[in-house]
Amino acid sequence: MGLREWALGGVLLSPFLIYVVLALLLTGLLRFVVRATPLGRWIWHEALFDTALFVCVLYLVVRSLGPL
């Protein structure tokens, strides 16, 4: 995919926006799995966990789809 801007109707969009949307979707899916399993009861601070999970997933998305 690379880190190049996307032209959408004459507006340049950062590729990071697409990475963030993908990371949000994956984080939501992972969060659903965590809540459905007994692992969810071990989470002390849910907002902090969600933020950390999003940052980790975003790192993995950028690392896997971004340029080497």
PDB file of N, CA and C in Angstrom:
ATOM      1  N   MET A   1       0.821  -1.181   0.000  1.00  0.00           N
ATOM      2  CA  MET A   1       0.000   0.000   0.000  1.00  0.00           C
ATOM      3  C   MET A   1       0.873   1.254   0.000  1.00  0.00           C
ATOM      4  N   GLY A   2       1.851   1.319   0.845  1.00  0.00           N
ATOM      5  CA  GLY A   2       2.759   2.449   0.864  1.00  0.00           C
ATOM      6  C   GLY A   2       2.167   3.661   1.563  1.00  0.00           C
ATOM      7  N   LEU A   3       3.019   4.602   1.868  1.00  0.00           N
ATOM      8  CA  LEU A   3       2.570   5.823   2.528  1.00  0.00           C
ATOM      9  C   LEU A   3       2.499   6.962   1.521  1.00  0.00           C
ATOM     10  N   ARG A   4       1.565   6.883   0.609  1.00  0.00           N
ATOM     11  CA  ARG A   4       1.327   7.945  -0.369  1.00  0.00           C
ATOM     12  C   ARG A   4      -0.086   8.467  -0.184  1.00  0.00           C
ATOM     13  N   GLU A   5      -0.263   9.772  -0.472  1.00  0.00           N
ATOM     14  CA  GLU A   5      -1.594  10.351  -0.336  1.00  0.00           C
ATOM     15  C   GLU A   5      -2.554   9.763  -1.358  1.00  0.00           C
ATOM     16  N   TRP A   6      -3.825   9.745  -0.997  1.00  0.00           N
ATOM     17  CA  TRP A   6      -4.876   9.289  -1.898  1.00  0.00           C
ATOM     18  C   TRP A   6      -5.687  10.500  -2.315  1.00  0.00           C
ATOM     19  N   ALA A   7      -5.951  10.617  -3.608  1.00  0.00           N
ATOM     20  CA  ALA A   7      -6.780  11.715  -4.107  1.00  0.00           C
ATOM     21  C   ALA A   7      -8.225  11.238  -4.178  1.00  0.00           C
ATOM     22  N   LEU A   8      -9.092  11.914  -3.450  1.00  0.00           N
ATOM     23  CA  LEU A   8     -10.509  11.570  -3.429  1.00  0.00           C
ATOM     24  C   LEU A   8     -11.297  12.843  -3.718  1.00  0.00           C
ATOM     25  N   GLY A   9     -11.724  12.987  -4.957  1.00  0.00           N
ATOM     26  CA  GLY A   9     -12.471  14.182  -5.347  1.00  0.00           C
ATOM     27  C   GLY A   9     -11.646  15.450  -5.257  1.00  0.00           C
ATOM     28  N   GLY A  10     -10.377  15.369  -5.538  1.00  0.00           N
ATOM     29  CA  GLY A  10      -9.502  16.530  -5.470  1.00  0.00           C
ATOM     30  C   GLY A  10      -8.955  16.819  -4.078  1.00  0.00           C
ATOM     31  N   VAL A  11      -9.338  16.020  -3.110  1.00  0.00           N
ATOM     32  CA  VAL A  11      -8.852  16.198  -1.741  1.00  0.00           C
ATOM     33  C   VAL A  11      -7.839  15.101  -1.454  1.00  0.00           C
ATOM     34  N   LEU A  12      -6.679  15.489  -0.962  1.00  0.00           N
ATOM     35  CA  LEU A  12      -5.652  14.511  -0.630  1.00  0.00           C
ATOM     36  C   LEU A  12      -5.886  13.972   0.776  1.00  0.00           C
ATOM     37  N   LEU A  13      -5.944  12.661   0.876  1.00  0.00           N
ATOM     38  CA  LEU A  13      -6.139  11.997   2.162  1.00  0.00           C
ATOM     39  C   LEU A  13      -4.858  11.280   2.562  1.00  0.00           C
ATOM     40  N   SER A  14      -4.532  11.393   3.813  1.00  0.00           N
ATOM     41  CA  SER A  14      -3.356  10.711   4.335  1.00  0.00           C
ATOM     42  C   SER A  14      -3.625   9.212   4.406  1.00  0.00           C
ATOM     43  N   PRO A  15      -2.633   8.385   4.072  1.00  0.00           N
ATOM     44  CA  PRO A  15      -2.835   6.942   4.206  1.00  0.00           C
ATOM     45  C   PRO A  15      -2.985   6.531   5.670  1.00  0.00           C
ATOM     46  N   PHE A  16      -2.513   7.377   6.563  1.00  0.00           N
ATOM     47  CA  PHE A  16      -2.643   7.073   7.984  1.00  0.00           C
ATOM     48  C   PHE A  16      -4.110   7.026   8.401  1.00  0.00           C
ATOM     49  N   LEU A  17      -4.956   7.812   7.728  1.00  0.00           N
ATOM     50  CA  LEU A  17      -6.394   7.784   8.010  1.00  0.00           C
ATOM     51  C   LEU A  17      -6.969   6.399   7.743  1.00  0.00           C
ATOM     52  N   ILE A  18      -6.547   5.777   6.671  1.00  0.00           N
ATOM     53  CA  ILE A  18      -7.024   4.436   6.337  1.00  0.00           C
ATOM     54  C   ILE A  18      -6.495   3.422   7.351  1.00  0.00           C
ATOM     55  N   TYR A  19      -5.258   3.601   7.775  1.00  0.00           N
ATOM     56  CA  TYR A  19      -4.693   2.720   8.796  1.00  0.00           C
ATOM     57  C   TYR A  19      -5.455   2.850  10.113  1.00  0.00           C
ATOM     58  N   VAL A  20      -5.825   4.073  10.475  1.00  0.00           N
ATOM     59  CA  VAL A  20      -6.558   4.306  11.723  1.00  0.00           C
ATOM     60  C   VAL A  20      -7.937   3.658  11.669  1.00  0.00           C
ATOM     61  N   VAL A  21      -8.632   3.800  10.538  1.00  0.00           N
ATOM     62  CA  VAL A  21      -9.958   3.187  10.404  1.00  0.00           C
ATOM     63  C   VAL A  21      -9.852   1.669  10.494  1.00  0.00           C
ATOM     64  N   LEU A  22      -8.867   1.091   9.823  1.00  0.00           N
ATOM     65  CA  LEU A  22      -8.666  -0.356   9.883  1.00  0.00           C
ATOM     66  C   LEU A  22      -8.324  -0.801  11.308  1.00  0.00           C
ATOM     67  N   ALA A  23      -7.478  -0.036  11.983  1.00  0.00           N
ATOM     68  CA  ALA A  23      -7.118  -0.372  13.363  1.00  0.00           C
ATOM     69  C   ALA A  23      -8.324  -0.257  14.295  1.00  0.00           C
ATOM     70  N   LEU A  24      -9.197   0.719  14.060  1.00  0.00           N
ATOM     71  CA  LEU A  24     -10.406   0.839  14.878  1.00  0.00           C
ATOM     72  C   LEU A  24     -11.314  -0.367  14.702  1.00  0.00           C
ATOM     73  N   LEU A  25     -11.467  -0.821  13.464  1.00  0.00           N
ATOM     74  CA  LEU A  25     -12.297  -1.996  13.212  1.00  0.00           C
ATOM     75  C   LEU A  25     -11.715  -3.240  13.883  1.00  0.00           C
ATOM     76  N   LEU A  26     -10.414  -3.427  13.745  1.00  0.00           N
ATOM     77  CA  LEU A  26      -9.771  -4.586  14.365  1.00  0.00           C
ATOM     78  C   LEU A  26      -9.810  -4.505  15.892  1.00  0.00           C
ATOM     79  N   THR A  27      -9.642  -3.303  16.430  1.00  0.00           N
ATOM     80  CA  THR A  27      -9.713  -3.132  17.878  1.00  0.00           C
ATOM     81  C   THR A  27     -11.111  -3.443  18.391  1.00  0.00           C
ATOM     82  N   GLY A  28     -12.122  -3.003  17.664  1.00  0.00           N
ATOM     83  CA  GLY A  28     -13.493  -3.320  18.056  1.00  0.00           C
ATOM     84  C   GLY A  28     -13.756  -4.810  18.053  1.00  0.00           C
ATOM     85  N   LEU A  29     -13.237  -5.494  17.048  1.00  0.00           N
ATOM     86  CA  LEU A  29     -13.395  -6.945  16.975  1.00  0.00           C
ATOM     87  C   LEU A  29     -12.673  -7.638  18.135  1.00  0.00           C
ATOM     88  N   LEU A  30     -11.445  -7.220  18.400  1.00  0.00           N
ATOM     89  CA  LEU A  30     -10.693  -7.807  19.516  1.00  0.00           C
ATOM     90  C   LEU A  30     -11.353  -7.501  20.856  1.00  0.00           C
ATOM     91  N   ARG A  31     -11.889  -6.304  20.986  1.00  0.00           N
ATOM     92  CA  ARG A  31     -12.556  -5.931  22.240  1.00  0.00           C
ATOM     93  C   ARG A  31     -13.807  -6.780  22.457  1.00  0.00           C
ATOM     94  N   PHE A  32     -14.534  -7.062  21.389  1.00  0.00           N
ATOM     95  CA  PHE A  32     -15.705  -7.932  21.483  1.00  0.00           C
ATOM     96  C   PHE A  32     -15.300  -9.330  21.939  1.00  0.00           C
ATOM     97  N   VAL A  33     -14.200  -9.841  21.397  1.00  0.00           N
ATOM     98  CA  VAL A  33     -13.717 -11.169  21.783  1.00  0.00           C
ATOM     99  C   VAL A  33     -13.299 -11.178  23.255  1.00  0.00           C
ATOM    100  N   VAL A  34     -12.630 -10.120  23.692  1.00  0.00           N
ATOM    101  CA  VAL A  34     -12.191 -10.051  25.090  1.00  0.00           C
ATOM    102  C   VAL A  34     -13.394 -10.000  26.030  1.00  0.00           C
ATOM    103  N   ARG A  35     -14.426  -9.256  25.666  1.00  0.00           N
ATOM    104  CA  ARG A  35     -15.620  -9.174  26.519  1.00  0.00           C
ATOM    105  C   ARG A  35     -16.395 -10.483  26.546  1.00  0.00           C
ATOM    106  N   ALA A  36     -16.333 -11.242  25.462  1.00  0.00           N
ATOM    107  CA  ALA A  36     -17.083 -12.498  25.384  1.00  0.00           C
ATOM    108  C   ALA A  36     -16.398 -13.628  26.146  1.00  0.00           C
ATOM    109  N   THR A  37     -15.141 -13.470  26.452  1.00  0.00           N
ATOM    110  CA  THR A  37     -14.395 -14.505  27.164  1.00  0.00           C
ATOM    111  C   THR A  37     -14.181 -14.078  28.620  1.00  0.00           C
ATOM    112  N   PRO A  38     -13.789 -15.006  29.471  1.00  0.00           N
ATOM    113  CA  PRO A  38     -13.515 -14.646  30.873  1.00  0.00           C
ATOM    114  C   PRO A  38     -12.313 -13.711  31.036  1.00  0.00           C
ATOM    115  N   LEU A  39     -11.557 -13.503  29.979  1.00  0.00           N
ATOM    116  CA  LEU A  39     -10.403 -12.608  30.051  1.00  0.00           C
ATOM    117  C   LEU A  39     -10.827 -11.177  30.385  1.00  0.00           C
ATOM    118  N   GLY A  40     -12.046 -10.816  30.006  1.00  0.00           N
ATOM    119  CA  GLY A  40     -12.530  -9.460  30.239  1.00  0.00           C
ATOM    120  C   GLY A  40     -12.646  -9.074  31.697  1.00  0.00           C
ATOM    121  N   ARG A  41     -12.815 -10.020  32.574  1.00  0.00           N
ATOM    122  CA  ARG A  41     -12.960  -9.675  33.996  1.00  0.00           C
ATOM    123  C   ARG A  41     -11.633  -9.300  34.639  1.00  0.00           C
ATOM    124  N   TRP A  42     -10.523  -9.560  33.973  1.00  0.00           N
ATOM    125  CA  TRP A  42      -9.209  -9.215  34.504  1.00  0.00           C
ATOM    126  C   TRP A  42      -8.778  -7.797  34.141  1.00  0.00           C
ATOM    127  N   ILE A  43      -9.595  -7.113  33.365  1.00  0.00           N
ATOM    128  CA  ILE A  43      -9.251  -5.751  32.947  1.00  0.00           C
ATOM    129  C   ILE A  43      -9.636  -4.790  34.064  1.00  0.00           C
ATOM    130  N   TRP A  44      -8.652  -4.066  34.569  1.00  0.00           N
ATOM    131  CA  TRP A  44      -8.895  -3.172  35.683  1.00  0.00           C
ATOM    132  C   TRP A  44      -9.483  -1.847  35.207  1.00  0.00           C
ATOM    133  N   HIS A  45      -8.868  -1.225  34.207  1.00  0.00           N
ATOM    134  CA  HIS A  45      -9.283   0.091  33.713  1.00  0.00           C
ATOM    135  C   HIS A  45      -9.604  -0.055  32.229  1.00  0.00           C
ATOM    136  N   GLU A  46     -10.887  -0.134  31.905  1.00  0.00           N
ATOM    137  CA  GLU A  46     -11.288  -0.464  30.536  1.00  0.00           C
ATOM    138  C   GLU A  46     -10.856   0.583  29.518  1.00  0.00           C
ATOM    139  N   ALA A  47     -10.968   1.859  29.853  1.00  0.00           N
ATOM    140  CA  ALA A  47     -10.589   2.908  28.904  1.00  0.00           C
ATOM    141  C   ALA A  47      -9.089   2.859  28.607  1.00  0.00           C
ATOM    142  N   LEU A  48      -8.303   2.629  29.629  1.00  0.00           N
ATOM    143  CA  LEU A  48      -6.859   2.525  29.439  1.00  0.00           C
ATOM    144  C   LEU A  48      -6.510   1.291  28.609  1.00  0.00           C
ATOM    145  N   PHE A  49      -7.194   0.190  28.871  1.00  0.00           N
ATOM    146  CA  PHE A  49      -6.972  -1.028  28.098  1.00  0.00           C
ATOM    147  C   PHE A  49      -7.352  -0.821  26.635  1.00  0.00           C
ATOM    148  N   ASP A  50      -8.493  -0.173  26.391  1.00  0.00           N
ATOM    149  CA  ASP A  50      -8.928   0.067  25.017  1.00  0.00           C
ATOM    150  C   ASP A  50      -7.941   0.948  24.264  1.00  0.00           C
ATOM    151  N   THR A  51      -7.431   1.970  24.929  1.00  0.00           N
ATOM    152  CA  THR A  51      -6.456   2.857  24.294  1.00  0.00           C
ATOM    153  C   THR A  51      -5.161   2.114  23.978  1.00  0.00           C
ATOM    154  N   ALA A  52      -4.678   1.336  24.925  1.00  0.00           N
ATOM    155  CA  ALA A  52      -3.448   0.578  24.705  1.00  0.00           C
ATOM    156  C   ALA A  52      -3.630  -0.463  23.609  1.00  0.00           C
ATOM    157  N   LEU A  53      -4.785  -1.105  23.590  1.00  0.00           N
ATOM    158  CA  LEU A  53      -5.070  -2.089  22.545  1.00  0.00           C
ATOM    159  C   LEU A  53      -5.103  -1.427  21.176  1.00  0.00           C
ATOM    160  N   PHE A  54      -5.727  -0.243  21.087  1.00  0.00           N
ATOM    161  CA  PHE A  54      -5.778   0.480  19.818  1.00  0.00           C
ATOM    162  C   PHE A  54      -4.381   0.866  19.344  1.00  0.00           C
ATOM    163  N   VAL A  55      -3.551   1.348  20.245  1.00  0.00           N
ATOM    164  CA  VAL A  55      -2.188   1.746  19.866  1.00  0.00           C
ATOM    165  C   VAL A  55      -1.397   0.536  19.374  1.00  0.00           C
ATOM    166  N   CYS A  56      -1.534  -0.590  20.047  1.00  0.00           N
ATOM    167  CA  CYS A  56      -0.828  -1.805  19.624  1.00  0.00           C
ATOM    168  C   CYS A  56      -1.327  -2.301  18.271  1.00  0.00           C
ATOM    169  N   VAL A  57      -2.626  -2.284  18.071  1.00  0.00           N
ATOM    170  CA  VAL A  57      -3.186  -2.730  16.790  1.00  0.00           C
ATOM    171  C   VAL A  57      -2.790  -1.763  15.681  1.00  0.00           C
ATOM    172  N   LEU A  58      -2.803  -0.464  15.965  1.00  0.00           N
ATOM    173  CA  LEU A  58      -2.394   0.524  14.964  1.00  0.00           C
ATOM    174  C   LEU A  58      -0.933   0.318  14.573  1.00  0.00           C
ATOM    175  N   TYR A  59      -0.081   0.040  15.538  1.00  0.00           N
ATOM    176  CA  TYR A  59       1.320  -0.250  15.235  1.00  0.00           C
ATOM    177  C   TYR A  59       1.439  -1.457  14.309  1.00  0.00           C
ATOM    178  N   LEU A  60       0.688  -2.517  14.608  1.00  0.00           N
ATOM    179  CA  LEU A  60       0.759  -3.722  13.782  1.00  0.00           C
ATOM    180  C   LEU A  60       0.224  -3.479  12.376  1.00  0.00           C
ATOM    181  N   VAL A  61      -0.821  -2.678  12.252  1.00  0.00           N
ATOM    182  CA  VAL A  61      -1.380  -2.369  10.927  1.00  0.00           C
ATOM    183  C   VAL A  61      -0.380  -1.564  10.110  1.00  0.00           C
ATOM    184  N   VAL A  62       0.188  -0.526  10.708  1.00  0.00           N
ATOM    185  CA  VAL A  62       1.155   0.303   9.975  1.00  0.00           C
ATOM    186  C   VAL A  62       2.402  -0.500   9.645  1.00  0.00           C
ATOM    187  N   ARG A  63       2.831  -1.324  10.570  1.00  0.00           N
ATOM    188  CA  ARG A  63       4.034  -2.141  10.343  1.00  0.00           C
ATOM    189  C   ARG A  63       3.816  -3.166   9.236  1.00  0.00           C
ATOM    190  N   SER A  64       2.619  -3.746   9.172  1.00  0.00           N
ATOM    191  CA  SER A  64       2.373  -4.789   8.174  1.00  0.00           C
ATOM    192  C   SER A  64       1.992  -4.218   6.810  1.00  0.00           C
ATOM    193  N   LEU A  65       1.308  -3.080   6.760  1.00  0.00           N
ATOM    194  CA  LEU A  65       0.869  -2.529   5.479  1.00  0.00           C
ATOM    195  C   LEU A  65       1.743  -1.395   4.971  1.00  0.00           C
ATOM    196  N   GLY A  66       2.546  -0.811   5.846  1.00  0.00           N
ATOM    197  CA  GLY A  66       3.390   0.310   5.450  1.00  0.00           C
ATOM    198  C   GLY A  66       4.641  -0.153   4.722  1.00  0.00           C
ATOM    199  N   PRO A  67       5.401   0.808   4.196  1.00  0.00           N
ATOM    200  CA  PRO A  67       6.639   0.449   3.496  1.00  0.00           C
ATOM    201  C   PRO A  67       7.691  -0.051   4.473  1.00  0.00           C
ATOM    202  N   LEU A  68       8.583  -0.861   3.986  1.00  0.00           N
ATOM    203  CA  LEU A  68       9.646  -1.400   4.836  1.00  0.00           C
ATOM    204  C   LEU A  68      10.784  -0.421   4.985  1.00  0.00           C
TER     205      LEU A  68
END
